[in-house]
Protein backbone atom coordinates (compact mmCIF):
# COMPACT_ATOMS: atom_id res chain seq x y z
CA MET A 1 -0.01 0.01 0.01
CA ARG A 2 2.71 2.51 1.00
CA LYS A 3 4.85 1.66 -1.99
CA GLY A 4 1.85 2.16 -4.21
CA LEU A 5 1.16 5.55 -2.65
CA CYS A 6 4.74 6.76 -3.34
CA SER A 7 4.41 5.60 -6.96
CA SER A 8 1.00 7.24 -7.20
CA ILE A 9 2.34 10.50 -5.78
CA ALA A 10 5.30 10.47 -8.13
CA ALA A 11 3.10 9.68 -11.16
CA THR A 12 0.61 12.32 -10.17
CA VAL A 13 3.25 15.00 -9.78
CA LEU A 14 4.73 14.18 -13.12
CA SER A 15 1.36 14.18 -14.99
CA PHE A 16 -0.40 17.24 -13.49
CA ASP A 17 -1.14 19.95 -16.05
CA VAL A 18 -1.07 23.66 -15.16
CA SER A 19 -4.40 24.32 -16.87
CA ALA A 20 -6.14 22.03 -14.40
CA CYS A 21 -5.06 24.16 -11.44
CA GLU A 22 -7.72 26.44 -10.00
CA ILE A 23 -6.65 29.22 -7.66
CA GLY A 24 -10.01 28.73 -6.02
CA LYS A 25 -9.22 25.24 -4.82
CA ILE A 26 -5.65 25.90 -3.59
CA GLY A 27 -6.98 29.06 -1.95
CA GLU A 28 -9.83 27.13 -0.29
CA LEU A 29 -7.44 24.44 0.92
CA PHE A 30 -5.12 27.10 2.33
CA GLU A 31 -8.07 28.83 4.09
CA TYR A 32 -9.83 25.79 5.46
CA VAL A 33 -6.85 23.61 6.30
CA CYS A 34 -4.04 25.96 7.20
CA VAL A 35 -5.75 29.12 8.46
CA GLY A 36 -8.90 27.35 9.78
CA SER A 37 -6.95 24.80 11.81
CA GLN A 38 -5.10 27.59 13.67
CA LEU A 39 -2.05 25.37 13.01
CA GLN A 40 -3.32 22.69 15.45
CA GLN A 41 -1.63 19.52 14.16
CA GLU A 42 -4.47 17.19 15.14
CA GLN A 43 -6.98 19.28 13.11
CA ILE A 44 -5.01 19.75 9.91
CA GLY A 45 -5.35 16.15 8.64
CA GLN A 46 -9.01 15.96 9.63
CA ILE A 47 -9.88 19.20 7.83
CA ALA A 48 -7.85 18.16 4.79
CA GLN A 49 -9.71 14.88 4.64
CA GLN A 50 -13.09 16.66 4.94
CA ARG A 51 -12.16 18.99 2.05
CA ALA A 52 -11.10 16.07 -0.09
CA LYS A 53 -14.44 14.42 0.52
CA TYR A 54 -16.26 17.68 -0.27
CA TYR A 55 -14.40 17.96 -3.60
CA GLY A 56 -14.96 14.29 -4.43
CA MET A 57 -11.19 13.72 -4.41
CA SER A 58 -9.06 10.96 -2.90
CA PHE A 59 -7.14 11.52 0.31
CA GLU A 60 -3.88 9.70 1.10
CA PRO A 61 -1.56 10.30 4.01
CA PHE A 62 2.15 10.42 3.18
CA PRO A 63 4.04 7.31 4.34
CA ARG A 64 6.09 8.09 7.46
CA GLN A 65 9.35 7.71 5.52
CA LEU A 66 8.27 10.23 2.91
CA SER A 67 7.25 12.75 5.62
CA LYS A 68 10.73 12.34 7.17
CA GLN A 69 12.43 12.81 3.81
CA LEU A 70 10.44 15.98 3.16
CA GLY A 71 11.18 17.32 6.64
CA VAL A 72 7.51 17.52 7.72
CA ASP A 73 5.64 15.96 10.60
CA GLU A 74 2.72 14.81 8.44
CA GLY A 75 1.55 15.18 4.89
CA TRP A 76 -1.40 14.31 2.68
CA ALA A 77 -2.08 14.05 -1.09
CA ILE A 78 -5.49 15.15 -2.26
CA SER A 79 -6.08 14.17 -5.86
CA TYR A 80 -8.66 13.63 -8.54
CA LYS A 81 -7.92 10.84 -10.98
CA ASN A 82 -4.21 11.75 -11.19
CA LEU A 83 -5.23 14.89 -13.07
CA GLU A 84 -5.35 17.41 -10.27
CA THR A 85 -3.29 16.98 -7.07
CA TYR A 86 -2.61 19.09 -4.07
CA PHE A 87 -0.23 18.33 -1.25
CA VAL A 88 -0.83 19.47 2.30
CA SER A 89 1.84 19.29 4.95
CA PHE A 90 2.38 20.31 8.57
CA GLY A 91 5.65 20.74 10.38
CA HIS A 92 7.00 22.32 13.50
CA ASP A 93 10.17 22.88 15.48
CA GLU A 94 11.01 24.75 18.66
CA LYS A 95 10.73 28.14 16.90
CA ARG A 96 7.74 27.80 14.57
CA LYS A 97 4.93 25.72 13.17
CA TYR A 98 3.66 25.77 9.61
CA CYS A 99 1.12 24.38 7.19
CA THR A 100 1.77 24.31 3.47
CA VAL A 101 -0.37 23.58 0.41
CA SER A 102 1.52 22.71 -2.74
CA VAL A 103 0.60 22.19 -6.37
CA LYS A 104 2.61 21.06 -9.39
CA ASN A 105 2.75 24.30 -11.37
CA GLU A 106 4.22 27.72 -11.18
CA ILE A 107 1.31 30.03 -10.15
CA LYS A 108 3.14 32.62 -8.12
CA GLU A 109 1.33 35.56 -9.66
CA LEU A 110 -2.06 34.02 -9.09
CA LEU A 111 -1.14 33.29 -5.46
CA ARG A 112 0.26 36.80 -5.04
CA SER A 113 -3.05 38.34 -6.28
CA TYR A 114 -5.03 36.01 -4.07
CA ILE A 115 -3.12 36.91 -0.88
CA GLU A 116 -3.09 40.66 -1.62
CA GLU A 117 -6.88 40.63 -2.28
CA LYS A 118 -7.90 38.25 0.49
CA TYR A 119 -5.66 39.73 3.19
CA SER A 120 -5.88 43.45 2.67
CA ASN A 121 -3.98 43.94 5.96
CA SER A 122 -0.99 41.98 4.66
CA ARG A 123 2.40 43.66 4.42
CA LYS A 124 4.97 42.36 1.97
CA ILE A 125 8.25 41.87 3.83
CA ALA A 126 10.24 39.98 1.19
CA ASP A 127 10.24 39.37 -2.57
CA GLU A 128 13.36 37.51 -3.61
CA VAL A 129 14.61 35.25 -6.33
CA GLN A 130 17.22 32.61 -5.65
CA GLY A 131 18.18 30.63 -8.68
CA ALA A 132 15.01 28.98 -10.07
CA SER A 133 13.11 29.65 -6.90
CA SER A 134 11.22 32.82 -5.99
CA VAL A 135 9.86 33.65 -2.56
CA LEU A 136 7.26 36.20 -1.46
CA VAL A 137 6.69 36.77 2.25
CA TYR A 138 3.85 38.64 3.86
CA SER A 139 3.20 39.60 7.48
CA VAL A 140 -0.49 39.34 8.30
CA ASP A 141 -2.76 39.73 11.29
CA LEU A 142 -5.19 36.87 11.59
CA TRP A 143 -8.02 36.40 13.99
CA GLY A 144 -7.06 33.76 16.54
CA TYR A 145 -3.31 34.13 16.01
CA ALA A 146 -2.09 36.16 18.96
CA LYS A 147 1.35 36.80 17.49
CA GLY A 148 0.20 37.42 13.96
CA ALA A 149 1.45 35.19 11.20
CA ILE A 150 3.59 34.96 8.08
CA ILE A 151 2.25 33.84 4.70
CA SER A 152 4.90 32.76 2.18
CA ILE A 153 4.59 31.85 -1.47
CA GLN A 154 7.40 29.92 -3.06
CA ALA A 155 7.49 29.09 -6.75
CA VAL A 156 10.00 26.91 -8.54
CA GLU A 157 10.26 27.90 -12.17
CA SER A 158 11.68 25.66 -14.86
CA ASP A 159 11.64 25.05 -18.60
CA ASP A 160 10.81 21.45 -17.64
CA PRO A 161 7.10 21.44 -16.74
CA ASP A 162 7.69 18.37 -14.48
CA LEU A 163 9.84 20.53 -12.15
CA LYS A 164 7.46 23.46 -11.69
CA MET A 165 5.90 23.72 -8.19
CA SER A 166 4.13 26.37 -6.12
CA HIS A 167 3.72 26.38 -2.35
CA ILE A 168 1.66 28.62 -0.10
CA SER A 169 2.47 28.42 3.60
CA LEU A 170 1.17 29.81 6.86
CA VAL A 171 3.87 30.08 9.51
CA GLN A 172 3.61 31.14 13.11
CA THR A 173 6.52 31.61 15.49
CA GLN A 174 6.15 30.08 18.92
């Protein structure tokens, strides 16, 4: 089962087409799972599973070894017939906790517009390019987050469509 999941995740990542990505769905997953969970680890997987069911998509937890390799505590793949896949992950250390929603595609500008519209109180604190990767970082005040929070968008650009990825993360320092 676990070996099949890894193969399924790899096949899905390699076959996902940019045109299938809807900012609405990645935005909703970010809102419901990351923001809505208030970064409570026990709630993130439950909410992700509920959203997958709502969308009529499959829900698969990452095998423990894959989570370790990715440097996250837990992760889940939400997919629809290997045509549309989102990855949700949660991690924490002594300084921070975070939730990330990822999609195979470079949609940085769509995510930028989404954050700047949705979070009118956001303040851009970084916009950098490092090699093929670009990072946008926003400081934002969120209800229920006493210390405020950071939203980051990372996009990996490539001429090879199989290597393009976008990630939107919610990070809170502890």
